[in-house]
Amino acid sequence: MKLYLILGSLLFTQLSVAQDSSTKIWSLQDCIDYAIEHNITVKEATLDKNLAEVDYSKAKSSRLPNLFGSASQNFSNGSTIDPITSDFINDQIHSTNVGVNSSVTLFQGNQISNQIKQNKLLLEQSAFQEEVEKNNIVLSILEVYLQTLYSKESITIAENNVEASEKEVQRAKARLDAGTIALSDYTEAQSQAATNKYTVITAKNDYQQYIIQLKQLLELSPLENIQIEPIDENMDLLNIELDKNEVYNNALMFLPEVKASQLNIVANEKELDIAKGGFLPTLELTGSVGSGYTSVSNNTFSDQFDVNFNQRLGLSLTIPIFNRNQTKAAVQTATINIEKAEIQKQTTEKDVYKKIETTYQNAVSAQEQVIASEASKNAAEQSYNLAQKKYELGDLSTTDLVISQNTFTNAQQNYLQSKYLNILYHELLQFYQGNDIKL
């Protein structure tokens, strides 16, 4: 146990020394801004949105005519038809064909228009999904940031306990030498001091673990040293009155996952329109220009290209009669996906309500716990101070002093925990309403 305590102390000392004057102090807003810009989950969502932009641009371009060039060189021998003059001859023929072809869809059951509208909806949906990932990072940063501050204050409490217990060991040694206490009382004081030192090491390790989590959210190098800025201790978070239903209604209007689920329904409705367009005919305008050369003609290459120059313009109508029920199946699939999208929207709204309800109840409970735990902490502190004085006068045993110290420590931890939980739930309620997180 002693070896573990020594090694742990040395490790934390080295980590502390490594944090020189160049170590950056990160505020909560610094962490949020940096994480939104660098976190890989957010970057993936941004790339998905960029892909949706490409798909939207491609859908709009489908209105435009296409244009293809072609060229061919052919050789034939024997009885054949001249590809240029269409004469039937029996000879060796070298022929060259070049041309440019184009077509544009004039009507396709409104599928092109509906596809463009759907891709625009999907682009807006991907933008909302990007906001969802940003919000998730913000909430993760908030939680880890407060946990880190809680852990840092726990170190202070633990170190104060070590200092107090070491003084108690000195008093116990003096009383042992004076013969006023038994050896067991002295060893109990030593045991309590060792336990408190172990608690310090554990608290410091917890703090470093939260720092690691924060670095990972920020996508920082494990070797980079950071410190976080404490929050305003004068924040008044008690007796805050909020209407739970109002918070929920505001969340439905603000949260991007709700808007994304609404767009998902509309996008699937457009998919149904696209599928129904498969029942309608397709009309295309086609055209081409070209020329060619044949070796059976006595004209020169350039003269033949001039003489054989041709143009073509036409309309092509395709009427669907039976395509093995592919269009019918597409319509049925789109209809089912609309129902699924509506269910997903209801599920999203239920999840939002659950978050609001849980956070609201926890916020109310945390406010009450802050008041109760603060009163308990103050009472435990007075009791511990009185116990120390009694111990100095020899009117209290070491066991009772240790019990009093542990009671005070637990009361401090309970107050610290309730304080940061109160801050967390208060900020969550503000966030769900679209308000900025400010600590």
Protein backbone atom coordinates (compact mmCIF):
# COMPACT_ATOMS: atom_id res chain seq x y z
CA MET A 1 0.00 0.00 0.00
CA LYS A 2 2.75 2.47 0.92
CA LEU A 3 4.67 1.68 -2.28
CA TYR A 4 1.50 2.31 -4.31
CA LEU A 5 0.98 5.64 -2.57
CA ILE A 6 4.57 6.73 -3.24
CA LEU A 7 4.47 5.74 -6.93
CA GLY A 8 1.11 7.45 -7.41
CA SER A 9 2.37 10.63 -5.79
CA LEU A 10 5.49 10.64 -7.96
CA LEU A 11 3.41 10.14 -11.11
CA PHE A 12 1.07 13.00 -10.35
CA THR A 13 4.01 15.21 -9.38
CA GLN A 14 5.61 14.58 -12.78
CA LEU A 15 2.35 15.39 -14.52
CA SER A 16 2.05 18.60 -12.55
CA VAL A 17 5.62 19.66 -13.33
CA ALA A 18 4.99 19.03 -17.03
CA GLN A 19 2.27 21.68 -16.97
CA ASP A 20 4.50 24.70 -17.42
CA SER A 21 3.53 28.31 -17.85
CA SER A 22 2.66 27.71 -21.52
CA THR A 23 -0.24 25.40 -20.65
CA LYS A 24 -3.45 26.83 -22.09
CA ILE A 25 -6.36 27.56 -19.79
CA TRP A 26 -9.54 26.33 -21.52
CA SER A 27 -12.91 27.87 -20.73
CA LEU A 28 -16.09 25.92 -21.43
CA GLN A 29 -16.77 28.07 -24.49
CA ASP A 30 -13.22 27.48 -25.75
CA CYS A 31 -13.78 23.74 -25.51
CA ILE A 32 -17.14 23.91 -27.28
CA ASP A 33 -15.86 26.08 -30.15
CA TYR A 34 -12.75 23.97 -30.65
CA ALA A 35 -14.62 20.65 -30.50
CA ILE A 36 -17.22 21.74 -33.05
CA GLU A 37 -14.43 22.65 -35.45
CA HIS A 38 -12.16 19.63 -34.91
CA ASN A 39 -14.21 16.70 -33.59
CA ILE A 40 -14.21 13.86 -36.13
CA THR A 41 -17.87 12.95 -35.54
CA VAL A 42 -18.87 16.47 -36.51
CA LYS A 43 -16.53 16.32 -39.50
CA GLU A 44 -18.19 13.11 -40.67
CA ALA A 45 -21.60 14.78 -40.46
CA THR A 46 -20.26 17.74 -42.45
CA LEU A 47 -18.97 15.38 -45.14
CA ASP A 48 -22.39 13.71 -45.30
CA LYS A 49 -23.91 17.14 -45.85
CA ASN A 50 -21.37 17.84 -48.62
CA LEU A 51 -22.38 14.57 -50.30
CA ALA A 52 -26.01 15.66 -50.11
CA GLU A 53 -25.04 18.92 -51.82
CA VAL A 54 -23.41 16.93 -54.62
CA ASP A 55 -26.54 14.79 -55.03
CA TYR A 56 -28.73 17.92 -55.14
CA SER A 57 -26.51 19.50 -57.79
CA LYS A 58 -26.57 16.27 -59.82
CA ALA A 59 -30.37 16.14 -59.62
CA LYS A 60 -30.69 19.71 -60.93
CA SER A 61 -28.31 18.91 -63.79
CA SER A 62 -30.59 16.09 -64.95
CA ARG A 63 -32.79 18.77 -66.59
CA LEU A 64 -29.97 19.65 -68.97
CA PRO A 65 -29.44 17.97 -72.36
CA ASN A 66 -26.58 15.52 -72.73
CA LEU A 67 -23.98 15.74 -75.49
CA PHE A 68 -21.81 12.92 -76.84
CA GLY A 69 -19.29 12.80 -79.63
CA SER A 70 -18.55 9.66 -81.63
CA ALA A 71 -16.04 8.51 -84.22
CA SER A 72 -15.52 5.16 -85.93
CA GLN A 73 -13.21 3.65 -88.53
CA ASN A 74 -14.43 0.52 -90.35
CA PHE A 75 -13.15 -1.93 -92.97
CA SER A 76 -15.31 -4.42 -94.86
CA ASN A 77 -14.69 -6.86 -97.74
CA GLY A 78 -17.13 -8.57 -100.09
CA SER A 79 -20.81 -7.95 -100.57
CA THR A 80 -21.91 -5.26 -98.21
CA ILE A 81 -23.74 -1.98 -97.91
CA ASP A 82 -21.67 1.17 -97.97
CA PRO A 83 -22.26 2.79 -94.54
CA ILE A 84 -22.02 6.25 -96.08
CA THR A 85 -23.85 5.98 -99.43
CA SER A 86 -26.03 2.96 -98.53
CA ASP A 87 -25.15 1.44 -101.94
CA PHE A 88 -24.90 -2.36 -102.24
CA ILE A 89 -21.41 -3.18 -103.50
CA ASN A 90 -18.91 -6.05 -103.62
CA ASP A 91 -15.56 -4.52 -102.80
CA GLN A 92 -13.17 -3.59 -100.04
CA ILE A 93 -14.39 -0.51 -98.19
CA HIS A 94 -12.65 1.82 -95.76
CA SER A 95 -15.13 4.13 -94.07
CA THR A 96 -15.00 6.85 -91.42
CA ASN A 97 -17.93 8.17 -89.38
CA VAL A 98 -17.96 11.11 -86.95
CA GLY A 99 -20.89 12.71 -85.22
CA VAL A 100 -22.33 14.53 -82.23
CA ASN A 101 -25.49 13.29 -80.47
CA SER A 102 -27.69 14.99 -77.90
CA SER A 103 -30.95 14.31 -76.09
CA VAL A 104 -33.04 16.05 -73.47
CA THR A 105 -35.92 14.67 -71.44
CA LEU A 106 -39.05 16.77 -71.93
CA PHE A 107 -41.32 14.76 -69.65
CA GLN A 108 -40.76 11.79 -67.37
CA GLY A 109 -43.79 11.63 -65.15
CA ASN A 110 -42.47 14.66 -63.19
CA GLN A 111 -39.80 12.36 -61.80
CA ILE A 112 -36.98 14.82 -62.47
CA SER A 113 -38.78 17.69 -60.71
CA ASN A 114 -39.69 15.50 -57.77
CA GLN A 115 -36.16 14.11 -57.58
CA ILE A 116 -34.76 17.63 -57.38
CA LYS A 117 -37.22 18.54 -54.63
CA GLN A 118 -36.39 15.36 -52.71
CA ASN A 119 -32.64 15.96 -52.92
CA LYS A 120 -33.16 19.50 -51.66
CA LEU A 121 -35.08 18.10 -48.69
CA LEU A 122 -32.35 15.54 -48.05
CA LEU A 123 -29.77 18.35 -48.12
CA GLU A 124 -31.73 20.28 -45.51
CA GLN A 125 -32.09 17.10 -43.47
CA SER A 126 -28.34 16.45 -43.57
CA ALA A 127 -27.75 20.01 -42.38
CA PHE A 128 -30.00 19.33 -39.39
CA GLN A 129 -28.17 16.06 -38.78
CA GLU A 130 -24.92 18.00 -38.71
CA GLU A 131 -26.46 20.23 -36.05
CA VAL A 132 -27.49 17.13 -34.09
CA GLU A 133 -23.87 15.96 -33.97
CA LYS A 134 -22.71 19.43 -32.93
CA ASN A 135 -25.29 19.46 -30.14
CA ASN A 136 -24.17 16.02 -28.98
CA ILE A 137 -20.59 17.28 -28.77
CA VAL A 138 -21.68 20.38 -26.86
CA LEU A 139 -23.53 18.27 -24.30
CA SER A 140 -20.63 15.82 -23.99
CA ILE A 141 -18.21 18.71 -23.46
CA LEU A 142 -20.50 20.23 -20.83
CA GLU A 143 -20.80 16.97 -18.90
CA VAL A 144 -17.08 16.10 -18.97
CA TYR A 145 -16.10 19.71 -18.20
CA LEU A 146 -18.26 19.75 -15.05
CA GLN A 147 -17.07 16.29 -14.05
CA THR A 148 -13.49 17.52 -14.37
CA LEU A 149 -14.20 20.54 -12.17
CA TYR A 150 -15.94 18.30 -9.64
CA SER A 151 -12.95 15.98 -9.59
CA LYS A 152 -10.56 18.91 -9.19
CA GLU A 153 -12.44 20.22 -6.17
CA SER A 154 -12.50 16.69 -4.75
CA ILE A 155 -8.71 16.78 -4.79
CA THR A 156 -8.77 19.91 -2.64
CA ILE A 157 -11.12 18.27 -0.13
CA ALA A 158 -8.95 15.16 0.00
CA GLU A 159 -5.74 17.17 0.46
CA ASN A 160 -7.31 19.16 3.29
CA ASN A 161 -8.25 15.89 4.95
CA VAL A 162 -4.67 14.66 4.64
CA GLU A 163 -3.37 17.81 6.27
CA ALA A 164 -5.90 17.51 9.10
CA SER A 165 -5.24 13.80 9.64
CA GLU A 166 -1.46 14.36 9.78
CA LYS A 167 -2.01 16.89 12.56
CA GLU A 168 -4.19 14.36 14.31
CA VAL A 169 -1.41 11.78 14.06
CA GLN A 170 0.96 14.25 15.71
CA ARG A 171 -1.54 14.88 18.52
CA ALA A 172 -2.11 11.15 18.93
CA LYS A 173 1.65 10.57 19.15
CA ALA A 174 1.94 13.20 21.85
CA ARG A 175 -0.93 11.68 23.82
CA LEU A 176 0.55 8.21 23.36
CA ASP A 177 3.88 9.39 24.71
CA ALA A 178 2.02 10.99 27.62
CA GLY A 179 0.25 7.71 28.27
CA THR A 180 -3.27 9.13 27.88
CA ILE A 181 -4.27 6.91 24.95
CA ALA A 182 -3.63 3.33 23.94
CA LEU A 183 -1.40 2.27 21.08
CA SER A 184 -4.49 1.19 19.12
CA ASP A 185 -5.76 4.78 19.13
CA TYR A 186 -2.47 5.99 17.68
CA THR A 187 -2.40 3.33 14.96
CA GLU A 188 -5.99 4.17 14.08
CA ALA A 189 -4.96 7.80 13.52
CA GLN A 190 -2.10 6.59 11.31
CA SER A 191 -4.48 4.34 9.38
CA GLN A 192 -6.86 7.23 8.77
CA ALA A 193 -4.00 9.40 7.51
CA ALA A 194 -2.89 6.67 5.10
CA THR A 195 -6.49 6.21 3.90
CA ASN A 196 -6.78 9.94 3.25
CA LYS A 197 -3.54 9.91 1.24
CA TYR A 198 -4.91 7.05 -0.82
CA THR A 199 -8.07 9.10 -1.42
CA VAL A 200 -5.94 11.99 -2.72
CA ILE A 201 -4.23 9.72 -5.23
CA THR A 202 -7.58 8.31 -6.35
CA ALA A 203 -9.02 11.81 -6.75
CA LYS A 204 -6.00 12.92 -8.78
CA ASN A 205 -6.28 9.86 -10.98
CA ASP A 206 -9.99 10.56 -11.56
CA TYR A 207 -9.11 14.12 -12.53
CA GLN A 208 -6.54 12.92 -15.08
CA GLN A 209 -9.08 10.47 -16.53
CA TYR A 210 -11.57 13.27 -17.10
CA ILE A 211 -8.83 15.38 -18.69
CA ILE A 212 -8.16 12.49 -21.08
CA GLN A 213 -11.85 12.30 -21.97
CA LEU A 214 -11.89 16.04 -22.60
CA LYS A 215 -8.82 15.79 -24.84
CA GLN A 216 -10.47 13.05 -26.85
CA LEU A 217 -13.57 15.15 -27.40
CA LEU A 218 -11.34 18.04 -28.47
CA GLU A 219 -9.22 15.73 -30.68
CA LEU A 220 -6.08 16.93 -28.89
CA SER A 221 -2.82 15.04 -28.67
CA PRO A 222 -2.45 12.95 -25.48
CA LEU A 223 0.85 14.75 -24.89
CA GLU A 224 -0.71 18.20 -24.88
CA ASN A 225 -1.21 19.74 -21.44
CA ILE A 226 -4.45 21.54 -20.69
CA GLN A 227 -6.11 23.13 -17.72
CA ILE A 228 -9.73 24.20 -17.44
CA GLU A 229 -11.14 27.42 -16.16
CA PRO A 230 -13.30 27.29 -13.02
CA ILE A 231 -16.90 28.43 -13.28
CA ASP A 232 -18.45 31.47 -11.67
CA GLU A 233 -19.06 30.53 -8.06
CA ASN A 234 -21.64 33.32 -7.75
CA MET A 235 -24.09 31.68 -10.16
CA ASP A 236 -27.60 31.80 -8.76
CA LEU A 237 -29.21 28.54 -9.84
CA LEU A 238 -31.63 28.10 -6.94
CA ASN A 239 -35.35 28.78 -6.99
CA ILE A 240 -35.46 28.82 -10.79
CA GLU A 241 -39.03 28.38 -11.96
CA LEU A 242 -39.53 26.72 -15.34
CA ASP A 243 -42.66 25.45 -17.03
CA LYS A 244 -41.95 21.87 -18.10
CA ASN A 245 -44.46 22.00 -20.97
CA GLU A 246 -43.03 25.26 -22.19
CA VAL A 247 -39.54 23.76 -22.19
CA TYR A 248 -40.84 20.79 -24.19
CA ASN A 249 -42.62 22.97 -26.76
CA ASN A 250 -39.53 25.11 -27.17
CA ALA A 251 -37.42 21.98 -27.62
CA LEU A 252 -39.70 20.73 -30.41
CA MET A 253 -39.16 23.99 -32.26
CA PHE A 254 -35.42 24.17 -31.59
CA LEU A 255 -33.90 20.70 -31.61
CA PRO A 256 -32.59 19.73 -35.07
CA GLU A 257 -33.42 16.04 -34.65
CA VAL A 258 -37.12 16.95 -34.54
CA LYS A 259 -36.82 19.05 -37.70
CA ALA A 260 -34.85 16.28 -39.40
CA SER A 261 -37.59 13.75 -38.59
CA GLN A 262 -40.22 16.08 -40.06
CA LEU A 263 -38.23 16.49 -43.26
CA ASN A 264 -37.80 12.74 -43.43
CA ILE A 265 -41.56 12.36 -43.87
CA VAL A 266 -41.71 14.96 -46.65
CA ALA A 267 -38.70 13.40 -48.41
CA ASN A 268 -40.39 9.99 -48.39
CA GLU A 269 -43.58 11.56 -49.76
CA LYS A 270 -41.51 12.85 -52.66
CA GLU A 271 -40.14 9.34 -53.12
CA LEU A 272 -43.76 8.19 -53.53
CA ASP A 273 -44.34 10.85 -56.21
CA ILE A 274 -41.19 9.69 -57.99
CA ALA A 275 -42.36 6.08 -57.90
CA LYS A 276 -45.81 6.99 -59.27
CA GLY A 277 -44.11 8.79 -62.14
CA GLY A 278 -43.01 5.39 -63.38
CA PHE A 279 -46.59 4.75 -64.57
CA LEU A 280 -46.42 7.74 -66.96
CA PRO A 281 -44.78 7.94 -70.41
CA THR A 282 -41.39 9.50 -71.09
CA LEU A 283 -40.86 12.00 -73.91
CA GLU A 284 -37.38 12.86 -75.15
CA LEU A 285 -36.08 15.24 -77.79
CA THR A 286 -33.09 13.84 -79.67
CA GLY A 287 -30.77 15.30 -82.29
CA SER A 288 -27.50 14.60 -84.00
CA VAL A 289 -25.13 15.93 -86.63
CA GLY A 290 -22.49 13.91 -88.44
CA SER A 291 -20.59 13.12 -91.59
CA GLY A 292 -18.41 10.42 -93.06
CA TYR A 293 -15.99 9.17 -95.69
CA THR A 294 -15.96 6.04 -97.84
CA SER A 295 -13.14 4.69 -99.98
CA VAL A 296 -15.42 3.67 -102.88
CA SER A 297 -16.11 7.30 -103.73
CA ASN A 298 -13.77 9.23 -105.97
CA ASN A 299 -14.22 12.44 -103.98
CA THR A 300 -11.53 13.63 -101.58
CA PHE A 301 -11.79 13.18 -97.84
CA SER A 302 -12.71 16.84 -97.23
CA ASP A 303 -15.20 16.93 -100.11
CA GLN A 304 -16.98 13.84 -98.84
CA PHE A 305 -17.25 15.27 -95.32
CA ASP A 306 -18.90 18.33 -96.82
CA VAL A 307 -21.24 16.36 -99.07
CA ASN A 308 -22.12 13.71 -96.45
CA PHE A 309 -22.84 16.20 -93.66
CA ASN A 310 -26.24 15.34 -92.12
CA GLN A 311 -28.52 16.54 -89.33
CA ARG A 312 -31.26 14.72 -87.44
CA LEU A 313 -33.95 15.90 -85.03
CA GLY A 314 -36.60 13.70 -83.47
CA LEU A 315 -38.96 12.94 -80.61
CA SER A 316 -38.93 9.68 -78.69
CA LEU A 317 -41.96 8.55 -76.68
CA THR A 318 -41.71 5.61 -74.31
CA ILE A 319 -44.94 4.28 -72.84
CA PRO A 320 -44.71 1.84 -69.90
CA ILE A 321 -47.03 -1.11 -70.45
CA PHE A 322 -45.67 -3.82 -68.16
CA ASN A 323 -42.33 -3.83 -66.33
CA ARG A 324 -42.84 -6.92 -64.18
CA ASN A 325 -44.59 -4.89 -61.42
CA GLN A 326 -41.40 -2.97 -60.64
CA THR A 327 -43.22 0.39 -60.52
CA LYS A 328 -46.03 -1.04 -58.42
CA ALA A 329 -43.52 -2.42 -55.92
CA ALA A 330 -41.71 0.94 -55.80
CA VAL A 331 -44.99 2.69 -54.95
CA GLN A 332 -45.76 0.19 -52.20
CA THR A 333 -42.25 0.53 -50.76
CA ALA A 334 -42.49 4.33 -50.75
CA THR A 335 -45.86 4.18 -48.99
CA ILE A 336 -44.48 1.92 -46.28
CA ASN A 337 -41.43 4.20 -45.83
CA ILE A 338 -43.76 7.16 -45.27
CA GLU A 339 -45.45 5.30 -42.42
CA LYS A 340 -42.06 4.36 -40.99
CA ALA A 341 -40.94 8.01 -41.18
CA GLU A 342 -44.05 9.09 -39.29
CA ILE A 343 -43.32 6.51 -36.59
CA GLN A 344 -39.70 7.69 -36.41
CA LYS A 345 -40.94 11.25 -35.91
CA GLN A 346 -43.19 10.12 -33.05
CA THR A 347 -40.28 8.20 -31.54
CA THR A 348 -38.04 11.26 -31.78
CA GLU A 349 -40.64 13.43 -30.06
CA LYS A 350 -41.07 10.80 -27.33
CA ASP A 351 -37.31 10.72 -26.78
CA VAL A 352 -37.24 14.51 -26.54
CA TYR A 353 -40.07 14.47 -24.02
CA LYS A 354 -38.29 11.81 -21.98
CA LYS A 355 -35.12 13.92 -21.94
CA ILE A 356 -37.05 17.02 -20.89
CA GLU A 357 -39.05 15.17 -18.22
CA THR A 358 -35.96 13.47 -16.79
CA THR A 359 -33.85 16.61 -16.85
CA TYR A 360 -36.63 18.69 -15.33
CA GLN A 361 -37.20 16.27 -12.45
CA ASN A 362 -33.45 15.98 -11.86
CA ALA A 363 -33.13 19.77 -11.89
CA VAL A 364 -35.86 20.15 -9.27
CA SER A 365 -34.30 17.42 -7.16
CA ALA A 366 -30.80 18.88 -7.55
CA GLN A 367 -31.97 22.29 -6.33
CA GLU A 368 -33.41 20.72 -3.21
CA GLN A 369 -30.30 18.60 -2.71
CA VAL A 370 -28.05 21.67 -2.90
CA ILE A 371 -29.94 23.33 -0.06
CA ALA A 372 -30.06 20.18 2.06
CA SER A 373 -26.44 19.15 1.43
CA GLU A 374 -25.15 22.65 2.16
CA ALA A 375 -26.92 22.66 5.51
CA SER A 376 -25.58 19.16 6.23
CA LYS A 377 -22.05 20.24 5.27
CA ASN A 378 -22.15 23.27 7.55
CA ALA A 379 -23.45 21.19 10.45
CA ALA A 380 -20.87 18.47 9.86
CA GLU A 381 -18.10 21.08 9.74
CA GLN A 382 -19.14 22.56 13.08
CA SER A 383 -19.36 19.08 14.58
CA TYR A 384 -15.90 18.18 13.26
CA ASN A 385 -14.38 21.42 14.61
CA LEU A 386 -15.90 20.68 18.00
CA ALA A 387 -14.62 17.09 17.85
CA GLN A 388 -11.09 18.34 17.16
CA LYS A 389 -11.20 20.60 20.19
CA LYS A 390 -12.48 17.77 22.37
CA TYR A 391 -9.74 15.50 21.01
CA GLU A 392 -7.10 18.07 21.90
CA LEU A 393 -8.49 18.19 25.46
CA GLY A 394 -8.57 14.41 25.66
CA ASP A 395 -12.35 14.26 25.90
CA LEU A 396 -12.81 12.33 22.65
CA SER A 397 -11.42 9.06 21.39
CA THR A 398 -9.53 8.70 18.13
CA THR A 399 -12.31 6.51 16.75
CA ASP A 400 -14.93 9.19 17.36
CA LEU A 401 -12.69 11.83 15.79
CA VAL A 402 -12.20 9.69 12.69
CA ILE A 403 -15.95 9.15 12.45
CA SER A 404 -16.53 12.89 12.71
CA GLN A 405 -13.95 13.61 10.02
CA ASN A 406 -15.43 11.03 7.65
CA THR A 407 -18.89 12.45 8.22
CA PHE A 408 -17.64 15.91 7.33
CA THR A 409 -15.84 14.56 4.24
CA ASN A 410 -18.96 12.77 3.02
CA ALA A 411 -21.01 15.92 3.57
CA GLN A 412 -18.53 17.95 1.54
CA GLN A 413 -18.62 15.43 -1.30
CA ASN A 414 -22.42 15.33 -1.26
CA TYR A 415 -22.61 19.10 -1.46
CA LEU A 416 -20.03 19.21 -4.23
CA GLN A 417 -21.89 16.58 -6.23
CA SER A 418 -25.28 18.25 -5.81
CA LYS A 419 -23.79 21.62 -6.78
CA TYR A 420 -22.43 20.39 -10.09
CA LEU A 421 -25.51 18.29 -10.84
CA ASN A 422 -27.61 21.37 -10.27
CA ILE A 423 -25.45 23.30 -12.73
CA LEU A 424 -25.60 20.48 -15.28
CA TYR A 425 -29.37 20.08 -15.26
CA HIS A 426 -29.96 23.82 -15.27
CA GLU A 427 -27.78 24.25 -18.34
CA LEU A 428 -29.42 21.27 -20.05
CA LEU A 429 -32.85 22.87 -19.64
CA GLN A 430 -31.50 26.10 -21.06
CA PHE A 431 -29.91 24.26 -23.97
CA TYR A 432 -33.07 22.34 -24.87
CA GLN A 433 -34.83 25.68 -25.26
CA GLY A 434 -32.24 26.99 -27.67
CA ASN A 435 -30.39 29.18 -25.16
CA ASP A 436 -26.61 29.33 -25.06
CA ILE A 437 -24.69 27.51 -22.37
CA LYS A 438 -22.95 30.09 -20.22
CA LEU A 439 -20.93 29.28 -17.13
